[in-house]
PDB file of N, CA and C in Angstrom:
ATOM      1  N   UNK A   1     172.400 127.353  99.375  1.00  0.00           N
ATOM      2  CA  UNK A   1     173.277 128.478  99.666  1.00  0.00           C
ATOM      3  C   UNK A   1     174.208 128.082 100.800  1.00  0.00           C
ATOM      4  N   UNK A   2     175.442 127.966 100.522  1.00  0.00           N
ATOM      5  CA  UNK A   2     176.417 127.706 101.560  1.00  0.00           C
ATOM      6  C   UNK A   2     177.137 128.998 101.878  1.00  0.00           C
ATOM      7  N   UNK A   3     177.088 129.347 103.133  1.00  0.00           N
ATOM      8  CA  UNK A   3     177.766 130.562 103.581  1.00  0.00           C
ATOM      9  C   UNK A   3     179.075 130.178 104.232  1.00  0.00           C
ATOM     10  N   UNK A   4     180.095 130.962 104.055  1.00  0.00           N
ATOM     11  CA  UNK A   4     181.340 130.688 104.768  1.00  0.00           C
ATOM     12  C   UNK A   4     181.132 130.957 106.259  1.00  0.00           C
ATOM     13  N   UNK A   5     181.814 130.217 107.078  1.00  0.00           N
ATOM     14  CA  UNK A   5     181.719 130.457 108.517  1.00  0.00           C
ATOM     15  C   UNK A   5     182.230 131.861 108.803  1.00  0.00           C
ATOM     16  N   UNK A   6     181.531 132.600 109.667  1.00  0.00           N
ATOM     17  CA  UNK A   6     181.970 133.966 109.956  1.00  0.00           C
ATOM     18  C   UNK A   6     183.261 133.987 110.764  1.00  0.00           C
ATOM     19  N   UNK A   7     183.984 135.077 110.638  1.00  0.00           N
ATOM     20  CA  UNK A   7     185.180 135.276 111.458  1.00  0.00           C
ATOM     21  C   UNK A   7     184.751 135.366 112.915  1.00  0.00           C
ATOM     22  N   UNK A   8     185.696 135.228 113.813  1.00  0.00           N
ATOM     23  CA  UNK A   8     185.403 135.168 115.243  1.00  0.00           C
ATOM     24  C   UNK A   8     184.580 136.361 115.735  1.00  0.00           C
ATOM     25  N   UNK A   9     184.838 137.547 115.243  1.00  0.00           N
ATOM     26  CA  UNK A   9     184.138 138.730 115.741  1.00  0.00           C
ATOM     27  C   UNK A   9     183.066 139.230 114.778  1.00  0.00           C
ATOM     28  N   UNK A  10     182.838 138.520 113.680  1.00  0.00           N
ATOM     29  CA  UNK A  10     181.874 138.947 112.681  1.00  0.00           C
ATOM     30  C   UNK A  10     180.516 138.302 112.944  1.00  0.00           C
ATOM     31  N   UNK A  11     179.459 139.093 112.822  1.00  0.00           N
ATOM     32  CA  UNK A  11     178.115 138.574 113.008  1.00  0.00           C
ATOM     33  C   UNK A  11     177.380 138.627 111.679  1.00  0.00           C
ATOM     34  N   UNK A  12     176.884 137.478 111.259  1.00  0.00           N
ATOM     35  CA  UNK A  12     176.081 137.386 110.049  1.00  0.00           C
ATOM     36  C   UNK A  12     174.659 137.083 110.483  1.00  0.00           C
ATOM     37  N   UNK A  13     173.713 137.860 109.998  1.00  0.00           N
ATOM     38  CA  UNK A  13     172.314 137.673 110.355  1.00  0.00           C
ATOM     39  C   UNK A  13     171.558 137.065 109.182  1.00  0.00           C
ATOM     40  N   UNK A  14     170.690 136.103 109.497  1.00  0.00           N
ATOM     41  CA  UNK A  14     169.919 135.394 108.483  1.00  0.00           C
ATOM     42  C   UNK A  14     168.433 135.473 108.782  1.00  0.00           C
ATOM     43  N   UNK A  15     167.638 135.550 107.730  1.00  0.00           N
ATOM     44  CA  UNK A  15     166.186 135.424 107.897  1.00  0.00           C
ATOM     45  C   UNK A  15     165.877 133.946 108.122  1.00  0.00           C
ATOM     46  N   UNK A  16     164.633 133.650 108.427  1.00  0.00           N
ATOM     47  CA  UNK A  16     164.223 132.255 108.612  1.00  0.00           C
ATOM     48  C   UNK A  16     164.503 131.442 107.360  1.00  0.00           C
ATOM     49  N   UNK A  17     164.135 131.973 106.203  1.00  0.00           N
ATOM     50  CA  UNK A  17     164.342 131.250 104.942  1.00  0.00           C
ATOM     51  C   UNK A  17     165.827 131.054 104.654  1.00  0.00           C
ATOM     52  N   UNK A  18     166.635 132.071 104.886  1.00  0.00           N
ATOM     53  CA  UNK A  18     168.071 131.958 104.649  1.00  0.00           C
ATOM     54  C   UNK A  18     168.703 130.942 105.597  1.00  0.00           C
ATOM     55  N   UNK A  19     168.286 130.955 106.859  1.00  0.00           N
ATOM     56  CA  UNK A  19     168.815 130.001 107.837  1.00  0.00           C
ATOM     57  C   UNK A  19     168.461 128.578 107.433  1.00  0.00           C
ATOM     58  N   UNK A  20     167.223 128.387 106.992  1.00  0.00           N
ATOM     59  CA  UNK A  20     166.789 127.058 106.567  1.00  0.00           C
ATOM     60  C   UNK A  20     167.617 126.573 105.388  1.00  0.00           C
ATOM     61  N   UNK A  21     167.804 127.422 104.408  1.00  0.00           N
ATOM     62  CA  UNK A  21     168.569 127.040 103.221  1.00  0.00           C
ATOM     63  C   UNK A  21     170.031 126.776 103.566  1.00  0.00           C
ATOM     64  N   UNK A  22     170.609 127.614 104.405  1.00  0.00           N
ATOM     65  CA  UNK A  22     172.022 127.476 104.751  1.00  0.00           C
ATOM     66  C   UNK A  22     172.309 126.177 105.495  1.00  0.00           C
ATOM     67  N   UNK A  23     171.333 125.693 106.273  1.00  0.00           N
ATOM     68  CA  UNK A  23     171.566 124.500 107.082  1.00  0.00           C
ATOM     69  C   UNK A  23     170.804 123.275 106.589  1.00  0.00           C
ATOM     70  N   UNK A  24     170.194 123.382 105.411  1.00  0.00           N
ATOM     71  CA  UNK A  24     169.567 122.225 104.788  1.00  0.00           C
ATOM     72  C   UNK A  24     168.324 121.719 105.474  1.00  0.00           C
ATOM     73  N   UNK A  25     167.550 122.616 106.052  1.00  0.00           N
ATOM     74  CA  UNK A  25     166.301 122.232 106.707  1.00  0.00           C
ATOM     75  C   UNK A  25     165.176 123.084 106.139  1.00  0.00           C
ATOM     76  N   UNK A  26     163.955 122.814 106.576  1.00  0.00           N
ATOM     77  CA  UNK A  26     162.827 123.613 106.116  1.00  0.00           C
ATOM     78  C   UNK A  26     162.673 124.849 107.003  1.00  0.00           C
ATOM     79  N   UNK A  27     162.015 125.886 106.491  1.00  0.00           N
ATOM     80  CA  UNK A  27     161.732 127.045 107.343  1.00  0.00           C
ATOM     81  C   UNK A  27     160.910 126.667 108.573  1.00  0.00           C
ATOM     82  N   UNK A  28     160.043 125.658 108.441  1.00  0.00           N
ATOM     83  CA  UNK A  28     159.273 125.195 109.595  1.00  0.00           C
ATOM     84  C   UNK A  28     160.184 124.636 110.687  1.00  0.00           C
ATOM     85  N   UNK A  29     161.277 123.991 110.293  1.00  0.00           N
ATOM     86  CA  UNK A  29     162.223 123.469 111.282  1.00  0.00           C
ATOM     87  C   UNK A  29     162.863 124.608 112.061  1.00  0.00           C
ATOM     88  N   UNK A  30     163.215 125.688 111.379  1.00  0.00           N
ATOM     89  CA  UNK A  30     163.801 126.848 112.069  1.00  0.00           C
ATOM     90  C   UNK A  30     162.775 127.440 113.036  1.00  0.00           C
ATOM     91  N   UNK A  31     161.532 127.559 112.602  1.00  0.00           N
ATOM     92  CA  UNK A  31     160.474 128.077 113.494  1.00  0.00           C
ATOM     93  C   UNK A  31     160.286 127.154 114.705  1.00  0.00           C
ATOM     94  N   UNK A  32     160.390 125.845 114.482  1.00  0.00           N
ATOM     95  CA  UNK A  32     160.264 124.878 115.576  1.00  0.00           C
ATOM     96  C   UNK A  32     161.395 125.059 116.577  1.00  0.00           C
ATOM     97  N   UNK A  33     162.625 125.316 116.075  1.00  0.00           N
ATOM     98  CA  UNK A  33     163.753 125.531 116.979  1.00  0.00           C
ATOM     99  C   UNK A  33     163.503 126.735 117.870  1.00  0.00           C
ATOM    100  N   UNK A  34     162.876 127.767 117.321  1.00  0.00           N
ATOM    101  CA  UNK A  34     162.535 128.947 118.127  1.00  0.00           C
ATOM    102  C   UNK A  34     161.496 128.560 119.173  1.00  0.00           C
ATOM    103  N   UNK A  35     160.479 127.843 118.740  1.00  0.00           N
ATOM    104  CA  UNK A  35     159.371 127.467 119.630  1.00  0.00           C
ATOM    105  C   UNK A  35     159.847 126.604 120.800  1.00  0.00           C
ATOM    106  N   UNK A  36     160.761 125.664 120.550  1.00  0.00           N
ATOM    107  CA  UNK A  36     161.217 124.784 121.632  1.00  0.00           C
ATOM    108  C   UNK A  36     162.379 125.366 122.430  1.00  0.00           C
ATOM    109  N   UNK A  37     162.902 126.508 121.997  1.00  0.00           N
ATOM    110  CA  UNK A  37     163.928 127.194 122.778  1.00  0.00           C
ATOM    111  C   UNK A  37     165.358 126.933 122.353  1.00  0.00           C
ATOM    112  N   UNK A  38     165.571 126.258 121.223  1.00  0.00           N
ATOM    113  CA  UNK A  38     166.934 126.038 120.747  1.00  0.00           C
ATOM    114  C   UNK A  38     167.532 127.301 120.140  1.00  0.00           C
ATOM    115  N   UNK A  39     166.686 128.200 119.652  1.00  0.00           N
ATOM    116  CA  UNK A  39     167.150 129.357 118.899  1.00  0.00           C
ATOM    117  C   UNK A  39     166.407 130.615 119.347  1.00  0.00           C
ATOM    118  N   UNK A  40     167.157 131.656 119.591  1.00  0.00           N
ATOM    119  CA  UNK A  40     166.593 132.957 119.962  1.00  0.00           C
ATOM    120  C   UNK A  40     166.841 133.940 118.824  1.00  0.00           C
ATOM    121  N   UNK A  41     165.826 134.693 118.439  1.00  0.00           N
ATOM    122  CA  UNK A  41     166.059 135.741 117.424  1.00  0.00           C
ATOM    123  C   UNK A  41     167.051 136.765 117.960  1.00  0.00           C
ATOM    124  N   UNK A  42     167.958 137.195 117.113  1.00  0.00           N
ATOM    125  CA  UNK A  42     168.961 138.183 117.523  1.00  0.00           C
ATOM    126  C   UNK A  42     168.380 139.592 117.464  1.00  0.00           C
ATOM    127  N   UNK A  43     167.724 139.906 116.369  1.00  0.00           N
ATOM    128  CA  UNK A  43     167.148 141.236 116.169  1.00  0.00           C
ATOM    129  C   UNK A  43     165.921 141.108 115.272  1.00  0.00           C
ATOM    130  N   UNK A  44     165.193 142.200 115.199  1.00  0.00           N
ATOM    131  CA  UNK A  44     164.101 142.292 114.230  1.00  0.00           C
ATOM    132  C   UNK A  44     164.576 143.157 113.086  1.00  0.00           C
ATOM    133  N   UNK A  45     164.449 142.650 111.888  1.00  0.00           N
ATOM    134  CA  UNK A  45     164.873 143.379 110.704  1.00  0.00           C
ATOM    135  C   UNK A  45     163.754 144.229 110.156  1.00  0.00           C
ATOM    136  N   UNK A  46     163.922 144.615 108.910  1.00  0.00           N
ATOM    137  CA  UNK A  46     162.901 145.426 108.262  1.00  0.00           C
ATOM    138  C   UNK A  46     161.588 144.652 108.186  1.00  0.00           C
ATOM    139  N   UNK A  47     160.509 145.343 108.256  1.00  0.00           N
ATOM    140  CA  UNK A  47     159.161 144.785 108.249  1.00  0.00           C
ATOM    141  C   UNK A  47     158.935 143.780 109.373  1.00  0.00           C
ATOM    142  N   UNK A  48     159.689 143.889 110.450  1.00  0.00           N
ATOM    143  CA  UNK A  48     159.490 143.047 111.623  1.00  0.00           C
ATOM    144  C   UNK A  48     159.986 141.620 111.500  1.00  0.00           C
ATOM    145  N   UNK A  49     160.735 141.324 110.455  1.00  0.00           N
ATOM    146  CA  UNK A  49     161.261 139.965 110.281  1.00  0.00           C
ATOM    147  C   UNK A  49     162.255 139.623 111.381  1.00  0.00           C
ATOM    148  N   UNK A  50     162.188 138.387 111.837  1.00  0.00           N
ATOM    149  CA  UNK A  50     163.158 137.916 112.815  1.00  0.00           C
ATOM    150  C   UNK A  50     164.458 137.595 112.087  1.00  0.00           C
ATOM    151  N   UNK A  51     165.550 137.999 112.686  1.00  0.00           N
ATOM    152  CA  UNK A  51     166.870 137.690 112.140  1.00  0.00           C
ATOM    153  C   UNK A  51     167.647 136.898 113.182  1.00  0.00           C
ATOM    154  N   UNK A  52     168.382 135.905 112.707  1.00  0.00           N
ATOM    155  CA  UNK A  52     169.116 135.009 113.583  1.00  0.00           C
ATOM    156  C   UNK A  52     170.599 135.082 113.261  1.00  0.00           C
ATOM    157  N   UNK A  53     171.424 134.985 114.297  1.00  0.00           N
ATOM    158  CA  UNK A  53     172.867 134.942 114.083  1.00  0.00           C
ATOM    159  C   UNK A  53     173.235 133.600 113.471  1.00  0.00           C
ATOM    160  N   UNK A  54     174.105 133.623 112.481  1.00  0.00           N
ATOM    161  CA  UNK A  54     174.551 132.417 111.791  1.00  0.00           C
ATOM    162  C   UNK A  54     175.049 131.368 112.792  1.00  0.00           C
ATOM    163  N   UNK A  55     175.870 131.781 113.724  1.00  0.00           N
ATOM    164  CA  UNK A  55     176.453 130.858 114.698  1.00  0.00           C
ATOM    165  C   UNK A  55     175.366 130.247 115.576  1.00  0.00           C
ATOM    166  N   UNK A  56     174.378 131.036 115.971  1.00  0.00           N
ATOM    167  CA  UNK A  56     173.282 130.533 116.809  1.00  0.00           C
ATOM    168  C   UNK A  56     172.443 129.508 116.060  1.00  0.00           C
ATOM    169  N   UNK A  57     172.251 129.725 114.765  1.00  0.00           N
ATOM    170  CA  UNK A  57     171.493 128.763 113.967  1.00  0.00           C
ATOM    171  C   UNK A  57     172.261 127.436 113.901  1.00  0.00           C
ATOM    172  N   UNK A  58     173.552 127.502 113.749  1.00  0.00           N
ATOM    173  CA  UNK A  58     174.372 126.289 113.744  1.00  0.00           C
ATOM    174  C   UNK A  58     174.263 125.523 115.053  1.00  0.00           C
ATOM    175  N   UNK A  59     174.270 126.246 116.167  1.00  0.00           N
ATOM    176  CA  UNK A  59     174.117 125.590 117.475  1.00  0.00           C
ATOM    177  C   UNK A  59     172.741 124.950 117.595  1.00  0.00           C
ATOM    178  N   UNK A  60     171.705 125.653 117.135  1.00  0.00           N
ATOM    179  CA  UNK A  60     170.338 125.124 117.202  1.00  0.00           C
ATOM    180  C   UNK A  60     170.204 123.869 116.344  1.00  0.00           C
ATOM    181  N   UNK A  61     170.811 123.884 115.164  1.00  0.00           N
ATOM    182  CA  UNK A  61     170.754 122.717 114.283  1.00  0.00           C
ATOM    183  C   UNK A  61     171.418 121.519 114.951  1.00  0.00           C
ATOM    184  N   UNK A  62     172.534 121.747 115.623  1.00  0.00           N
ATOM    185  CA  UNK A  62     173.222 120.660 116.310  1.00  0.00           C
ATOM    186  C   UNK A  62     172.379 120.140 117.474  1.00  0.00           C
ATOM    187  N   UNK A  63     171.770 121.029 118.234  1.00  0.00           N
ATOM    188  CA  UNK A  63     170.917 120.589 119.339  1.00  0.00           C
ATOM    189  C   UNK A  63     169.744 119.766 118.829  1.00  0.00           C
ATOM    190  N   UNK A  64     169.126 120.203 117.745  1.00  0.00           N
ATOM    191  CA  UNK A  64     167.992 119.473 117.176  1.00  0.00           C
ATOM    192  C   UNK A  64     168.431 118.104 116.661  1.00  0.00           C
ATOM    193  N   UNK A  65     169.581 118.054 116.004  1.00  0.00           N
ATOM    194  CA  UNK A  65     170.095 116.775 115.497  1.00  0.00           C
ATOM    195  C   UNK A  65     170.409 115.837 116.653  1.00  0.00           C
ATOM    196  N   UNK A  66     171.068 116.350 117.692  1.00  0.00           N
ATOM    197  CA  UNK A  66     171.395 115.523 118.853  1.00  0.00           C
ATOM    198  C   UNK A  66     170.130 115.017 119.539  1.00  0.00           C
ATOM    199  N   UNK A  67     169.106 115.861 119.628  1.00  0.00           N
ATOM    200  CA  UNK A  67     167.836 115.454 120.237  1.00  0.00           C
ATOM    201  C   UNK A  67     167.162 114.374 119.401  1.00  0.00           C
ATOM    202  N   UNK A  68     167.221 114.494 118.086  1.00  0.00           N
ATOM    203  CA  UNK A  68     166.628 113.484 117.204  1.00  0.00           C
ATOM    204  C   UNK A  68     167.333 112.148 117.373  1.00  0.00           C
ATOM    205  N   UNK A  69     168.638 112.191 117.488  1.00  0.00           N
ATOM    206  CA  UNK A  69     169.405 110.962 117.674  1.00  0.00           C
ATOM    207  C   UNK A  69     169.097 110.357 119.038  1.00  0.00           C
ATOM    208  N   UNK A  70     169.002 111.195 120.063  1.00  0.00           N
ATOM    209  CA  UNK A  70     168.743 110.698 121.411  1.00  0.00           C
ATOM    210  C   UNK A  70     167.361 110.056 121.527  1.00  0.00           C
ATOM    211  N   UNK A  71     166.382 110.602 120.844  1.00  0.00           N
ATOM    212  CA  UNK A  71     165.029 110.063 120.970  1.00  0.00           C
ATOM    213  C   UNK A  71     164.773 108.879 120.051  1.00  0.00           C
ATOM    214  N   UNK A  72     165.446 108.826 118.909  1.00  0.00           N
ATOM    215  CA  UNK A  72     165.196 107.732 117.975  1.00  0.00           C
ATOM    216  C   UNK A  72     166.250 106.638 118.065  1.00  0.00           C
ATOM    217  N   UNK A  73     167.391 106.950 118.645  1.00  0.00           N
ATOM    218  CA  UNK A  73     168.464 105.980 118.756  1.00  0.00           C
ATOM    219  C   UNK A  73     169.312 105.853 117.496  1.00  0.00           C
ATOM    220  N   UNK A  74     169.003 106.658 116.490  1.00  0.00           N
ATOM    221  CA  UNK A  74     169.762 106.583 115.245  1.00  0.00           C
ATOM    222  C   UNK A  74     169.777 107.948 114.584  1.00  0.00           C
ATOM    223  N   UNK A  75     170.741 108.142 113.723  1.00  0.00           N
ATOM    224  CA  UNK A  75     170.766 109.387 112.963  1.00  0.00           C
ATOM    225  C   UNK A  75     170.376 109.125 111.512  1.00  0.00           C
ATOM    226  N   UNK A  76     169.768 107.969 111.248  1.00  0.00           N
ATOM    227  CA  UNK A  76     169.391 107.595 109.878  1.00  0.00           C
ATOM    228  C   UNK A  76     168.542 108.661 109.213  1.00  0.00           C
ATOM    229  N   UNK A  77     167.504 109.147 109.889  1.00  0.00           N
ATOM    230  CA  UNK A  77     166.626 110.161 109.313  1.00  0.00           C
ATOM    231  C   UNK A  77     167.381 111.463 109.081  1.00  0.00           C
ATOM    232  N   UNK A  78     168.242 111.813 110.006  1.00  0.00           N
ATOM    233  CA  UNK A  78     169.012 113.046 109.894  1.00  0.00           C
ATOM    234  C   UNK A  78     169.994 112.936 108.731  1.00  0.00           C
ATOM    235  N   UNK A  79     170.682 111.818 108.601  1.00  0.00           N
ATOM    236  CA  UNK A  79     171.629 111.635 107.507  1.00  0.00           C
ATOM    237  C   UNK A  79     170.937 111.688 106.164  1.00  0.00           C
ATOM    238  N   UNK A  80     169.722 111.111 106.073  1.00  0.00           N
ATOM    239  CA  UNK A  80     168.991 111.122 104.811  1.00  0.00           C
ATOM    240  C   UNK A  80     168.665 112.551 104.400  1.00  0.00           C
ATOM    241  N   UNK A  81     168.260 113.397 105.337  1.00  0.00           N
ATOM    242  CA  UNK A  81     167.930 114.783 105.046  1.00  0.00           C
ATOM    243  C   UNK A  81     169.184 115.540 104.607  1.00  0.00           C
ATOM    244  N   UNK A  82     170.311 115.312 105.272  1.00  0.00           N
ATOM    245  CA  UNK A  82     171.542 116.014 104.929  1.00  0.00           C
ATOM    246  C   UNK A  82     172.059 115.589 103.557  1.00  0.00           C
ATOM    247  N   UNK A  83     171.834 114.334 103.188  1.00  0.00           N
ATOM    248  CA  UNK A  83     172.324 113.823 101.921  1.00  0.00           C
ATOM    249  C   UNK A  83     171.494 114.334 100.745  1.00  0.00           C
ATOM    250  N   UNK A  84     170.248 114.701 101.017  1.00  0.00           N
ATOM    251  CA  UNK A  84     169.346 115.134  99.929  1.00  0.00           C
ATOM    252  C   UNK A  84     169.714 116.469  99.379  1.00  0.00           C
TER     253      UNK A  84
END
C-alpha cells in the first residue's frame, strides 16, 4: 500500500499494520521504533489501537535506517529489504 504524501497541514493516521505496509517493514519493526523512542503514538483509536502520524512514521523509518547504516557500516541489509 503506497500512500501519497500528505499535504502540509493534513494529518494521516495509520495503525501499526498500515504503517508497516506503507513503509515496507514488519509490524514488529514499527513496535521496535516505539520501544526505542523513534516513534510516538499520536492518538489511541477505536478499541485502544495506537495510531501514528504518517509523517512521524517516515521520520522513524529514516532514523532506524540511519542507525542501521551507522552500526553496520553499510546499507546492504536495508537496500535488500526495500527491494523485496
